[in-house]
Protein backbone atom coordinates (compact mmCIF):
# COMPACT_ATOMS: atom_id res chain seq x y z
CA UNK A 1 19.43 9.93 1.69
CA UNK A 2 19.24 13.36 0.13
CA UNK A 3 21.96 12.22 -2.24
CA UNK A 4 19.72 9.39 -3.45
CA UNK A 5 16.91 11.86 -4.05
CA UNK A 6 19.22 14.06 -6.13
CA UNK A 7 20.50 11.07 -8.10
CA UNK A 8 16.98 9.87 -8.91
CA UNK A 9 16.01 13.44 -9.86
CA UNK A 10 18.91 13.60 -12.32
CA UNK A 11 17.96 10.18 -13.73
CA UNK A 12 14.39 11.43 -14.16
CA UNK A 13 15.58 14.54 -16.01
CA UNK A 14 17.87 12.58 -18.34
CA UNK A 15 15.22 9.95 -19.03
CA UNK A 16 12.62 12.65 -19.67
CA UNK A 17 14.91 14.37 -22.17
CA UNK A 18 15.59 11.09 -23.95
CA UNK A 19 11.91 10.23 -24.12
CA UNK A 20 11.64 7.39 -21.61
CA UNK A 21 8.59 8.79 -19.87
CA UNK A 22 7.80 5.63 -17.88
CA UNK A 23 11.32 5.49 -16.48
CA UNK A 24 11.26 9.24 -15.87
CA UNK A 25 8.02 9.09 -13.93
CA UNK A 26 9.23 6.16 -11.84
CA UNK A 27 12.53 7.87 -11.02
CA UNK A 28 10.72 11.13 -10.23
CA UNK A 29 8.36 9.31 -7.88
CA UNK A 30 11.28 7.69 -6.06
CA UNK A 31 13.05 11.05 -5.81
CA UNK A 32 9.94 12.71 -4.38
CA UNK A 33 9.49 9.93 -1.85
CA UNK A 34 13.12 10.04 -0.72
CA UNK A 35 13.01 13.83 -0.45
CA UNK A 36 9.90 13.72 1.74
CA UNK A 37 11.43 11.04 3.97
CA UNK A 38 14.62 13.10 4.27
CA UNK A 39 12.64 16.23 5.11
CA UNK A 40 10.63 14.45 7.82
CA UNK A 41 13.75 12.93 9.35
CA UNK A 42 15.50 16.30 9.29
CA UNK A 43 12.62 18.04 11.05
CA UNK A 44 12.37 15.29 13.67
CA UNK A 45 16.10 15.33 14.35
CA UNK A 46 16.03 19.12 14.60
CA UNK A 47 13.16 19.05 17.11
CA UNK A 48 14.29 16.11 19.25
CA UNK A 49 18.05 16.67 18.89
CA UNK A 50 17.95 19.93 20.89
CA UNK A 51 16.77 18.23 24.12
CA UNK A 52 20.21 17.69 25.65
CA UNK A 53 20.52 18.68 29.29
């Protein structure tokens, strides 16, 4: 999932450089969303993954 966030971030950068601001903002929004979801899942797995007995 982090890979998708990086891919959409790169697409946003390339589109921003080329002048496609609508596409750049959409790709940046998707990248931000995927990064936040990845971060939340990482924190939850870190907290709950350590409970092995």
